[in-house]
Amino acid sequence: RLVPPPPTPADKTLIDAYRARGLRVDESAPEVSIVRVRSLMQEAIKQGNYPLALEWCETVLQRYKSHPEFLRAKASLLLMMGEREKAIEIYEQAETIESDPAVRKKLEELQRQQP
C-alpha cells in the first residue's frame, strides 16, 4: 500500500481551486500532495509501470474524488491496461465535471469502436 506524500505549500493553490469549484473533498481520506503524486505517477508511466501509476492516481482520487485531471489520468491508465469499459466510464465521469475537447474526441472514438 502506497503512503500518500503529505501536501506541500505548492498544493494549497490547487486544493483551493478544487474547493472553489464546489468539488467535494473526502476529509476522512488521507491528505495527499497533488503536485508530488503527479510526478510519481509520471515517473511510473515513464517506466511502463501502469499499475503503480494507477495506484498513485488513486491516492489523490480517494480524497479528491472529482478531480478531473486525475480522473482523466485514471481513464488513460485503464485504457493502457486494456480496461476499455472502465476507461470509458471514468472518461465520462471526468467529462461531466470538466469538459475537455481532447477527452471528448477520445471518448467518441472509443464509443464508436464498441462492438
Foldseek 3Di string as FASTA:
>chain_A
DDDADAADPVQPVVVVVLVVLVFAFDPVQDHHHPVVLVVVLVVCVVVVNLVVSLVSLVSVCVGRVQDLVSLLVNLVSCVVVVNLVVSLVSLVSSCVSPNDVVSVVVSVVSVVPDD
